[in-house]
Structures are given as C-alpha cells and as structure tokens.
N, C-alpha and C. Protein backbone atom coordinates (compact mmCIF):
# COMPACT_ATOMS: atom_id res chain seq x y z
N UNK A 1 -18.50 11.29 -35.40
CA UNK A 1 -17.99 10.66 -34.20
C UNK A 1 -18.87 11.00 -32.99
N UNK A 2 -19.37 12.20 -32.93
CA UNK A 2 -20.21 12.62 -31.81
C UNK A 2 -21.47 11.76 -31.75
N UNK A 3 -22.02 11.44 -32.91
CA UNK A 3 -23.23 10.61 -32.93
C UNK A 3 -22.94 9.21 -32.42
N UNK A 4 -21.79 8.67 -32.77
CA UNK A 4 -21.40 7.34 -32.29
C UNK A 4 -21.24 7.35 -30.78
N UNK A 5 -20.59 8.37 -30.24
CA UNK A 5 -20.41 8.47 -28.79
C UNK A 5 -21.74 8.63 -28.08
N UNK A 6 -22.65 9.37 -28.67
CA UNK A 6 -23.98 9.53 -28.08
C UNK A 6 -24.72 8.20 -28.06
N UNK A 7 -24.61 7.44 -29.13
CA UNK A 7 -25.26 6.12 -29.17
C UNK A 7 -24.66 5.20 -28.12
N UNK A 8 -23.34 5.21 -27.99
CA UNK A 8 -22.68 4.39 -26.96
C UNK A 8 -23.16 4.81 -25.58
N UNK A 9 -23.22 6.10 -25.36
CA UNK A 9 -23.64 6.62 -24.06
C UNK A 9 -25.05 6.20 -23.69
N UNK A 10 -25.94 6.15 -24.66
CA UNK A 10 -27.32 5.80 -24.36
C UNK A 10 -27.58 4.30 -24.39
N UNK A 11 -26.77 3.53 -25.10
CA UNK A 11 -26.93 2.07 -25.12
C UNK A 11 -26.28 1.39 -23.93
N UNK A 12 -25.28 2.03 -23.36
CA UNK A 12 -24.52 1.41 -22.27
C UNK A 12 -25.38 0.93 -21.10
N UNK A 13 -26.32 1.73 -20.57
CA UNK A 13 -27.14 1.22 -19.46
C UNK A 13 -27.98 0.01 -19.84
N UNK A 14 -28.46 -0.02 -21.07
CA UNK A 14 -29.26 -1.17 -21.49
C UNK A 14 -28.41 -2.43 -21.63
N UNK A 15 -27.16 -2.26 -22.06
CA UNK A 15 -26.25 -3.41 -22.13
C UNK A 15 -25.90 -3.92 -20.72
N UNK A 16 -25.76 -2.99 -19.78
CA UNK A 16 -25.52 -3.41 -18.40
C UNK A 16 -26.73 -4.16 -17.83
N UNK A 17 -27.91 -3.66 -18.11
CA UNK A 17 -29.12 -4.35 -17.66
C UNK A 17 -29.25 -5.73 -18.29
N UNK A 18 -28.92 -5.82 -19.55
CA UNK A 18 -28.97 -7.10 -20.24
C UNK A 18 -27.99 -8.09 -19.61
N UNK A 19 -26.78 -7.63 -19.36
CA UNK A 19 -25.79 -8.51 -18.71
C UNK A 19 -26.25 -8.92 -17.32
N UNK A 20 -26.82 -7.97 -16.58
CA UNK A 20 -27.29 -8.26 -15.23
C UNK A 20 -28.36 -9.35 -15.25
N UNK A 21 -29.38 -9.17 -16.08
CA UNK A 21 -30.48 -10.13 -16.10
C UNK A 21 -30.08 -11.47 -16.70
N UNK A 22 -29.10 -11.48 -17.57
CA UNK A 22 -28.67 -12.75 -18.18
C UNK A 22 -27.72 -13.53 -17.27
N UNK A 23 -27.00 -12.86 -16.37
CA UNK A 23 -25.96 -13.54 -15.61
C UNK A 23 -26.19 -13.64 -14.11
N UNK A 24 -27.07 -12.84 -13.54
CA UNK A 24 -27.25 -12.82 -12.09
C UNK A 24 -27.83 -14.15 -11.60
N UNK A 25 -27.13 -14.77 -10.66
CA UNK A 25 -27.50 -16.04 -10.03
C UNK A 25 -27.74 -17.17 -11.02
N UNK A 26 -27.03 -17.14 -12.12
CA UNK A 26 -27.13 -18.22 -13.10
C UNK A 26 -25.99 -19.20 -12.87
N UNK A 27 -26.22 -20.44 -13.21
CA UNK A 27 -25.21 -21.48 -12.99
C UNK A 27 -24.50 -21.84 -14.29
N UNK A 28 -24.36 -20.87 -15.18
CA UNK A 28 -23.63 -21.11 -16.41
C UNK A 28 -22.17 -21.41 -16.08
N UNK A 29 -21.53 -22.14 -16.96
CA UNK A 29 -20.12 -22.49 -16.75
C UNK A 29 -19.26 -21.23 -16.66
N UNK A 30 -19.55 -20.25 -17.51
CA UNK A 30 -18.75 -19.01 -17.46
C UNK A 30 -18.94 -18.28 -16.13
N UNK A 31 -20.13 -18.30 -15.57
CA UNK A 31 -20.37 -17.65 -14.29
C UNK A 31 -19.71 -18.42 -13.14
N UNK A 32 -19.72 -19.73 -13.24
CA UNK A 32 -19.03 -20.52 -12.22
C UNK A 32 -17.54 -20.23 -12.23
N UNK A 33 -16.97 -20.17 -13.41
CA UNK A 33 -15.55 -19.86 -13.54
C UNK A 33 -15.26 -18.45 -13.03
N UNK A 34 -16.13 -17.50 -13.39
CA UNK A 34 -15.96 -16.12 -12.94
C UNK A 34 -16.01 -16.04 -11.42
N UNK A 35 -16.99 -16.66 -10.80
CA UNK A 35 -17.13 -16.60 -9.34
C UNK A 35 -15.95 -17.27 -8.65
N UNK A 36 -15.53 -18.41 -9.17
CA UNK A 36 -14.41 -19.12 -8.55
C UNK A 36 -13.15 -18.27 -8.61
N UNK A 37 -12.90 -17.66 -9.75
CA UNK A 37 -11.71 -16.82 -9.88
C UNK A 37 -11.79 -15.58 -8.99
N UNK A 38 -12.97 -14.99 -8.90
CA UNK A 38 -13.12 -13.80 -8.06
C UNK A 38 -12.92 -14.12 -6.58
N UNK A 39 -13.27 -15.32 -6.17
CA UNK A 39 -13.10 -15.70 -4.78
C UNK A 39 -11.65 -16.11 -4.50
N UNK A 40 -11.06 -16.86 -5.39
CA UNK A 40 -9.75 -17.46 -5.12
C UNK A 40 -8.60 -16.49 -5.42
N UNK A 41 -8.67 -15.75 -6.51
CA UNK A 41 -7.54 -14.95 -6.95
C UNK A 41 -7.76 -13.46 -6.72
N UNK A 42 -6.81 -12.86 -6.02
CA UNK A 42 -6.84 -11.41 -5.82
C UNK A 42 -6.62 -10.69 -7.15
N UNK A 43 -5.84 -11.29 -8.03
CA UNK A 43 -5.58 -10.66 -9.34
C UNK A 43 -6.86 -10.58 -10.17
N UNK A 44 -7.77 -11.51 -10.01
CA UNK A 44 -9.04 -11.46 -10.74
C UNK A 44 -9.88 -10.28 -10.25
N UNK A 45 -9.88 -10.04 -8.94
CA UNK A 45 -10.60 -8.89 -8.40
C UNK A 45 -9.95 -7.58 -8.85
N UNK A 46 -8.62 -7.54 -8.91
CA UNK A 46 -7.93 -6.35 -9.41
C UNK A 46 -8.27 -6.10 -10.88
N UNK A 47 -8.31 -7.17 -11.66
CA UNK A 47 -8.66 -7.04 -13.08
C UNK A 47 -10.10 -6.55 -13.24
N UNK A 48 -11.01 -7.07 -12.42
CA UNK A 48 -12.41 -6.64 -12.44
C UNK A 48 -12.51 -5.15 -12.14
N UNK A 49 -11.78 -4.70 -11.12
CA UNK A 49 -11.78 -3.28 -10.78
C UNK A 49 -11.18 -2.45 -11.91
N UNK A 50 -10.14 -2.96 -12.53
CA UNK A 50 -9.51 -2.23 -13.64
C UNK A 50 -10.46 -2.07 -14.82
N UNK A 51 -11.16 -3.14 -15.16
CA UNK A 51 -12.12 -3.07 -16.25
C UNK A 51 -13.25 -2.10 -15.91
N UNK A 52 -13.70 -2.14 -14.66
CA UNK A 52 -14.75 -1.22 -14.23
C UNK A 52 -14.27 0.23 -14.35
N UNK A 53 -13.05 0.49 -13.93
CA UNK A 53 -12.53 1.85 -13.98
C UNK A 53 -12.30 2.31 -15.42
N UNK A 54 -11.80 1.43 -16.27
CA UNK A 54 -11.64 1.79 -17.69
C UNK A 54 -12.99 2.11 -18.33
N UNK A 55 -14.00 1.35 -17.96
CA UNK A 55 -15.34 1.61 -18.48
C UNK A 55 -15.86 2.96 -17.99
N UNK A 56 -15.64 3.25 -16.72
CA UNK A 56 -16.07 4.56 -16.19
C UNK A 56 -15.34 5.71 -16.87
N UNK A 57 -14.05 5.54 -17.09
CA UNK A 57 -13.27 6.60 -17.75
C UNK A 57 -13.77 6.78 -19.19
N UNK A 58 -14.03 5.67 -19.88
CA UNK A 58 -14.52 5.77 -21.26
C UNK A 58 -15.89 6.44 -21.31
N UNK A 59 -16.79 6.06 -20.41
CA UNK A 59 -18.12 6.67 -20.40
C UNK A 59 -18.03 8.15 -20.04
N UNK A 60 -17.16 8.51 -19.09
CA UNK A 60 -16.97 9.93 -18.78
C UNK A 60 -16.43 10.69 -19.98
N UNK A 61 -15.52 10.07 -20.72
CA UNK A 61 -14.98 10.71 -21.92
C UNK A 61 -16.08 10.90 -22.96
N UNK A 62 -16.92 9.88 -23.15
CA UNK A 62 -18.04 10.00 -24.09
C UNK A 62 -18.97 11.14 -23.69
N UNK A 63 -19.27 11.22 -22.40
CA UNK A 63 -20.15 12.29 -21.92
C UNK A 63 -19.49 13.66 -22.09
N UNK A 64 -18.20 13.73 -21.85
CA UNK A 64 -17.48 15.00 -21.98
C UNK A 64 -17.42 15.45 -23.43
N UNK A 65 -17.27 14.52 -24.35
CA UNK A 65 -17.19 14.86 -25.77
C UNK A 65 -18.55 15.26 -26.35
N UNK A 66 -19.61 14.64 -25.84
CA UNK A 66 -20.92 14.90 -26.42
C UNK A 66 -21.69 16.01 -25.70
N UNK A 67 -21.54 16.10 -24.39
CA UNK A 67 -22.34 17.05 -23.62
C UNK A 67 -21.57 17.52 -22.39
N UNK A 68 -20.54 18.36 -22.57
CA UNK A 68 -19.76 18.79 -21.40
C UNK A 68 -20.56 19.72 -20.50
N UNK A 69 -20.56 19.39 -19.20
CA UNK A 69 -21.24 20.23 -18.22
C UNK A 69 -20.66 19.93 -16.84
N UNK A 70 -21.22 20.53 -15.81
CA UNK A 70 -20.69 20.35 -14.46
C UNK A 70 -20.89 18.92 -13.94
N UNK A 71 -21.93 18.25 -14.39
CA UNK A 71 -22.17 16.88 -13.95
C UNK A 71 -21.07 15.94 -14.45
N UNK A 72 -20.54 16.22 -15.63
CA UNK A 72 -19.41 15.42 -16.13
C UNK A 72 -18.20 15.65 -15.24
N UNK A 73 -18.01 16.89 -14.80
CA UNK A 73 -16.91 17.18 -13.88
C UNK A 73 -17.08 16.45 -12.55
N UNK A 74 -18.30 16.45 -12.01
CA UNK A 74 -18.58 15.72 -10.77
C UNK A 74 -18.33 14.22 -10.95
N UNK A 75 -18.82 13.69 -12.04
CA UNK A 75 -18.62 12.27 -12.32
C UNK A 75 -17.13 11.94 -12.50
N UNK A 76 -16.40 12.83 -13.13
CA UNK A 76 -14.96 12.61 -13.32
C UNK A 76 -14.21 12.65 -11.99
N UNK A 77 -14.61 13.56 -11.11
CA UNK A 77 -13.96 13.63 -9.79
C UNK A 77 -14.24 12.37 -8.99
N UNK A 78 -15.48 11.89 -9.02
CA UNK A 78 -15.81 10.64 -8.32
C UNK A 78 -15.06 9.46 -8.93
N UNK A 79 -14.91 9.45 -10.24
CA UNK A 79 -14.16 8.38 -10.91
C UNK A 79 -12.69 8.46 -10.51
N UNK A 80 -12.13 9.65 -10.42
CA UNK A 80 -10.75 9.80 -9.97
C UNK A 80 -10.56 9.27 -8.55
N UNK A 81 -11.54 9.50 -7.70
CA UNK A 81 -11.46 8.97 -6.33
C UNK A 81 -11.47 7.45 -6.35
N UNK A 82 -12.23 6.87 -7.27
CA UNK A 82 -12.31 5.41 -7.35
C UNK A 82 -11.08 4.78 -7.99
N UNK A 83 -10.18 5.57 -8.55
CA UNK A 83 -8.96 5.00 -9.13
C UNK A 83 -8.08 4.37 -8.06
N UNK A 84 -8.22 4.83 -6.83
CA UNK A 84 -7.52 4.18 -5.72
C UNK A 84 -8.17 2.82 -5.51
N UNK A 85 -7.39 1.76 -5.58
CA UNK A 85 -7.93 0.40 -5.52
C UNK A 85 -8.63 0.13 -4.18
N UNK A 86 -8.09 0.64 -3.10
CA UNK A 86 -8.72 0.42 -1.79
C UNK A 86 -10.10 1.06 -1.71
N UNK A 87 -10.20 2.26 -2.25
CA UNK A 87 -11.49 2.96 -2.22
C UNK A 87 -12.50 2.23 -3.09
N UNK A 88 -12.09 1.81 -4.29
CA UNK A 88 -13.01 1.09 -5.18
C UNK A 88 -13.41 -0.25 -4.58
N UNK A 89 -12.44 -0.96 -4.00
CA UNK A 89 -12.72 -2.25 -3.39
C UNK A 89 -13.69 -2.11 -2.22
N UNK A 90 -13.43 -1.15 -1.34
CA UNK A 90 -14.31 -0.99 -0.19
C UNK A 90 -15.70 -0.49 -0.62
N UNK A 91 -15.75 0.34 -1.65
CA UNK A 91 -17.04 0.81 -2.15
C UNK A 91 -17.87 -0.35 -2.67
N UNK A 92 -17.27 -1.21 -3.46
CA UNK A 92 -18.01 -2.36 -4.00
C UNK A 92 -18.41 -3.33 -2.89
N UNK A 93 -17.54 -3.50 -1.89
CA UNK A 93 -17.90 -4.38 -0.77
C UNK A 93 -19.06 -3.80 0.04
N UNK A 94 -19.02 -2.50 0.28
CA UNK A 94 -20.11 -1.87 1.04
C UNK A 94 -21.42 -1.98 0.27
N UNK A 95 -21.38 -1.71 -1.03
CA UNK A 95 -22.61 -1.80 -1.82
C UNK A 95 -23.11 -3.24 -1.92
N UNK A 96 -22.19 -4.21 -1.92
CA UNK A 96 -22.61 -5.61 -2.01
C UNK A 96 -23.18 -6.11 -0.68
N UNK A 97 -22.54 -5.73 0.42
CA UNK A 97 -22.94 -6.25 1.72
C UNK A 97 -24.18 -5.55 2.29
N UNK A 98 -24.25 -4.25 2.10
CA UNK A 98 -25.35 -3.48 2.70
C UNK A 98 -26.34 -3.12 1.60
N UNK A 99 -27.41 -3.85 1.57
CA UNK A 99 -28.41 -3.68 0.50
C UNK A 99 -29.06 -2.31 0.54
N UNK A 100 -29.13 -1.71 1.71
CA UNK A 100 -29.73 -0.38 1.83
C UNK A 100 -28.90 0.64 1.05
N UNK A 101 -27.56 0.58 1.16
CA UNK A 101 -26.71 1.48 0.41
C UNK A 101 -26.80 1.21 -1.09
N UNK A 102 -26.93 -0.06 -1.45
CA UNK A 102 -27.08 -0.43 -2.86
C UNK A 102 -28.37 0.16 -3.42
N UNK A 103 -29.44 0.06 -2.65
CA UNK A 103 -30.72 0.61 -3.08
C UNK A 103 -30.66 2.14 -3.18
N UNK A 104 -30.00 2.78 -2.24
CA UNK A 104 -29.84 4.24 -2.29
C UNK A 104 -29.04 4.64 -3.52
N UNK A 105 -28.01 3.87 -3.84
CA UNK A 105 -27.21 4.16 -5.04
C UNK A 105 -28.05 4.03 -6.29
N UNK A 106 -28.89 3.01 -6.35
CA UNK A 106 -29.78 2.86 -7.51
C UNK A 106 -30.80 4.00 -7.58
N UNK A 107 -31.32 4.41 -6.45
CA UNK A 107 -32.27 5.53 -6.44
C UNK A 107 -31.61 6.83 -6.89
N UNK A 108 -30.37 7.06 -6.46
CA UNK A 108 -29.63 8.23 -6.93
C UNK A 108 -29.43 8.15 -8.44
N UNK A 109 -29.13 6.95 -8.93
CA UNK A 109 -28.95 6.77 -10.37
C UNK A 109 -30.24 7.08 -11.12
N UNK A 110 -31.37 6.63 -10.61
CA UNK A 110 -32.65 6.89 -11.27
C UNK A 110 -32.97 8.38 -11.25
N UNK A 111 -32.72 9.04 -10.14
CA UNK A 111 -32.96 10.48 -10.05
C UNK A 111 -32.06 11.23 -11.04
N UNK A 112 -30.80 10.81 -11.13
CA UNK A 112 -29.88 11.45 -12.08
C UNK A 112 -30.29 11.17 -13.51
N UNK A 113 -30.87 10.01 -13.76
CA UNK A 113 -31.33 9.68 -15.11
C UNK A 113 -32.50 10.59 -15.51
N UNK A 114 -33.35 10.90 -14.54
CA UNK A 114 -34.52 11.73 -14.82
C UNK A 114 -34.19 13.22 -14.86
N UNK A 115 -33.04 13.59 -14.31
CA UNK A 115 -32.64 14.99 -14.27
C UNK A 115 -31.87 15.33 -15.54
N UNK A 116 -32.23 16.41 -16.21
CA UNK A 116 -31.49 16.79 -17.42
C UNK A 116 -30.02 17.08 -17.12
N UNK A 117 -29.16 16.70 -18.03
CA UNK A 117 -27.72 16.94 -17.97
C UNK A 117 -27.01 16.17 -16.86
N UNK A 118 -27.62 15.19 -16.27
CA UNK A 118 -26.97 14.40 -15.21
C UNK A 118 -26.67 12.97 -15.68
N UNK A 119 -26.60 12.77 -16.98
CA UNK A 119 -26.41 11.43 -17.52
C UNK A 119 -25.10 10.81 -17.07
N UNK A 120 -24.03 11.58 -16.99
CA UNK A 120 -22.73 11.01 -16.60
C UNK A 120 -22.74 10.52 -15.16
N UNK A 121 -23.42 11.24 -14.28
CA UNK A 121 -23.52 10.81 -12.88
C UNK A 121 -24.39 9.55 -12.80
N UNK A 122 -25.45 9.50 -13.60
CA UNK A 122 -26.27 8.29 -13.68
C UNK A 122 -25.43 7.09 -14.10
N UNK A 123 -24.60 7.27 -15.12
CA UNK A 123 -23.76 6.17 -15.62
C UNK A 123 -22.83 5.67 -14.51
N UNK A 124 -22.25 6.59 -13.77
CA UNK A 124 -21.34 6.22 -12.68
C UNK A 124 -22.04 5.39 -11.61
N UNK A 125 -23.15 5.90 -11.09
CA UNK A 125 -23.84 5.19 -10.02
C UNK A 125 -24.47 3.88 -10.49
N UNK A 126 -24.94 3.87 -11.72
CA UNK A 126 -25.54 2.64 -12.25
C UNK A 126 -24.48 1.57 -12.45
N UNK A 127 -23.33 1.95 -12.99
CA UNK A 127 -22.24 0.97 -13.17
C UNK A 127 -21.75 0.47 -11.82
N UNK A 128 -21.62 1.35 -10.84
CA UNK A 128 -21.19 0.92 -9.50
C UNK A 128 -22.17 -0.07 -8.89
N UNK A 129 -23.44 0.19 -9.04
CA UNK A 129 -24.43 -0.71 -8.43
C UNK A 129 -24.45 -2.07 -9.12
N UNK A 130 -24.32 -2.10 -10.44
CA UNK A 130 -24.29 -3.39 -11.14
C UNK A 130 -22.98 -4.12 -10.85
N UNK A 131 -21.86 -3.39 -10.82
CA UNK A 131 -20.57 -4.03 -10.54
C UNK A 131 -20.53 -4.59 -9.12
N UNK A 132 -21.19 -3.94 -8.19
CA UNK A 132 -21.19 -4.42 -6.80
C UNK A 132 -21.94 -5.74 -6.67
N UNK A 133 -22.94 -5.95 -7.49
CA UNK A 133 -23.70 -7.21 -7.42
C UNK A 133 -22.80 -8.40 -7.74
N UNK A 134 -21.91 -8.24 -8.71
CA UNK A 134 -21.06 -9.34 -9.14
C UNK A 134 -19.73 -9.40 -8.40
N UNK A 135 -19.54 -8.55 -7.42
CA UNK A 135 -18.32 -8.57 -6.61
C UNK A 135 -18.52 -9.53 -5.45
N UNK A 136 -17.51 -10.32 -5.08
CA UNK A 136 -17.71 -11.31 -4.01
C UNK A 136 -17.91 -10.64 -2.65
N UNK A 137 -18.70 -11.28 -1.83
CA UNK A 137 -18.97 -10.72 -0.50
C UNK A 137 -17.77 -10.94 0.42
N UNK A 138 -17.70 -10.11 1.44
CA UNK A 138 -16.63 -10.23 2.44
C UNK A 138 -16.67 -11.59 3.12
N UNK A 139 -17.86 -12.08 3.37
CA UNK A 139 -18.02 -13.36 4.05
C UNK A 139 -17.39 -14.50 3.24
N UNK A 140 -17.59 -14.47 1.95
CA UNK A 140 -17.02 -15.52 1.09
C UNK A 140 -15.50 -15.40 1.05
N UNK A 141 -15.01 -14.18 0.97
CA UNK A 141 -13.56 -13.99 0.92
C UNK A 141 -12.89 -14.36 2.23
N UNK A 142 -13.57 -14.13 3.35
CA UNK A 142 -12.99 -14.47 4.64
C UNK A 142 -13.01 -15.96 4.91
N UNK A 143 -13.91 -16.68 4.28
CA UNK A 143 -14.04 -18.11 4.53
C UNK A 143 -13.46 -18.94 3.38
N UNK A 144 -12.42 -18.43 2.73
CA UNK A 144 -11.80 -19.18 1.65
C UNK A 144 -11.18 -20.47 2.17
N UNK A 145 -10.85 -20.52 3.45
CA UNK A 145 -10.27 -21.74 4.01
C UNK A 145 -11.25 -22.90 3.95
N UNK A 146 -12.54 -22.60 3.92
CA UNK A 146 -13.55 -23.66 3.79
C UNK A 146 -13.38 -24.37 2.45
N UNK A 147 -12.96 -23.62 1.44
CA UNK A 147 -12.75 -24.22 0.13
C UNK A 147 -11.65 -25.28 0.15
N UNK A 148 -10.64 -25.07 0.98
CA UNK A 148 -9.55 -26.04 1.06
C UNK A 148 -10.01 -27.34 1.71
N UNK A 149 -11.03 -27.27 2.55
CA UNK A 149 -11.55 -28.46 3.22
C UNK A 149 -12.45 -29.29 2.32
N UNK A 150 -12.95 -28.69 1.25
CA UNK A 150 -13.84 -29.42 0.34
C UNK A 150 -13.05 -30.44 -0.45
N UNK A 151 -13.68 -31.57 -0.70
CA UNK A 151 -13.01 -32.66 -1.38
C UNK A 151 -12.84 -32.43 -2.87
N UNK A 152 -13.88 -32.00 -3.53
CA UNK A 152 -13.83 -31.91 -4.98
C UNK A 152 -14.10 -30.48 -5.44
N UNK A 153 -13.81 -30.27 -6.70
CA UNK A 153 -14.07 -28.97 -7.30
C UNK A 153 -15.57 -28.69 -7.33
N UNK A 154 -16.38 -29.73 -7.54
CA UNK A 154 -17.83 -29.55 -7.58
C UNK A 154 -18.36 -29.07 -6.24
N UNK A 155 -17.86 -29.63 -5.16
CA UNK A 155 -18.31 -29.19 -3.84
C UNK A 155 -17.84 -27.76 -3.56
N UNK A 156 -16.65 -27.39 -4.06
CA UNK A 156 -16.19 -26.02 -3.91
C UNK A 156 -17.11 -25.06 -4.67
N UNK A 157 -17.46 -25.44 -5.88
CA UNK A 157 -18.33 -24.59 -6.69
C UNK A 157 -19.72 -24.47 -6.07
N UNK A 158 -20.23 -25.55 -5.51
CA UNK A 158 -21.53 -25.50 -4.85
C UNK A 158 -21.50 -24.53 -3.68
N UNK A 159 -20.41 -24.58 -2.90
CA UNK A 159 -20.28 -23.69 -1.76
C UNK A 159 -20.19 -22.24 -2.22
N UNK A 160 -19.41 -21.97 -3.26
CA UNK A 160 -19.26 -20.62 -3.77
C UNK A 160 -20.59 -20.10 -4.32
N UNK A 161 -21.29 -20.94 -5.11
CA UNK A 161 -22.56 -20.52 -5.70
C UNK A 161 -23.60 -20.23 -4.62
N UNK A 162 -23.55 -20.98 -3.53
CA UNK A 162 -24.52 -20.81 -2.45
C UNK A 162 -24.25 -19.52 -1.66
N UNK A 163 -22.99 -19.16 -1.51
CA UNK A 163 -22.63 -18.05 -0.64
C UNK A 163 -22.16 -16.79 -1.37
N UNK A 164 -22.05 -16.81 -2.67
CA UNK A 164 -21.47 -15.69 -3.42
C UNK A 164 -22.33 -14.43 -3.33
N UNK A 165 -23.63 -14.58 -3.57
CA UNK A 165 -24.51 -13.42 -3.59
C UNK A 165 -25.04 -13.21 -2.21
C-alpha cells in the first residue's frame, strides 16, 4: 500500500499539469459548461472548493503515510485553514486576480519541490495555483447581470469565455 501511495503522490503533479495544459482557455463543450456553471451557480463553486479540499486532504494523508515529517504537519495546518469556505474562496480569488501572488505561489511550490522532505507543501501550493486558474474572476461574478441582458445562450457563453480568465 505504501508503494501505491508513493506513486499517487508523485504522479499527482503531472496529472494536474496535464489537466491544466489540456483545458486552459480551451473552448471544449465540457469547459464551456464548467465555466457557465462556475459563474452562474454558487453551488458549483462550493462543489469545486469541496473537491479541491478533499484532494488536499487525500494528498496530505498520502504524504503522512509514506513520509511523515514536519512539512506534512505544516501542509495539514494550512489545509485545515482552507477548510473554511470563506478563506478558500478568498484565497482562490486573490490568486486568480493578482498574478503576482499566483507567480509567488508557484515559485514557493518549485522551491518546496526542490527541497527534500517538502513534497506535501509543494502539493498544497501547486494545487492551489492550478485551482485558482480555473476559478472565476471577481469581475465576472460581479457582472452576472450582463448575462441576463444577453439574448441567447451562445452570446452568454461568448461573454463568459472572453472574461473568465
């Protein structure tokens, strides 16, 4: 079982990168549906945060089972702080809106990846940075009333696709 958890722990960042490169700014039907739901429904954003948190908890558990150390404790404490929906929501909005913070988060992730025994902290910051990219911007959420003025679903989707990232 330890070997399986280690494989999951090391494959997870590559799967995130694969998802990022395959889905970022693509006009696939699934991405259009995802963006529309994330903009229109608060429950979709709550579900997205829940999936992100479950993933973080699972990755922390994998790291704790395979290589327990102080970095796993730090990562677990940060994950516990993110369990509060307001904190997680504002964190993703800040990382999405302010590219400088997003870049700093990625740099911290890279430094943690290069540092021995800091894999769990790397997983946390890397997942946060990728999740923030696919989270809707504040500007789009504040201008949802523009969607009601659009005549057709296609024009709504065009507006969302243009302003989402």
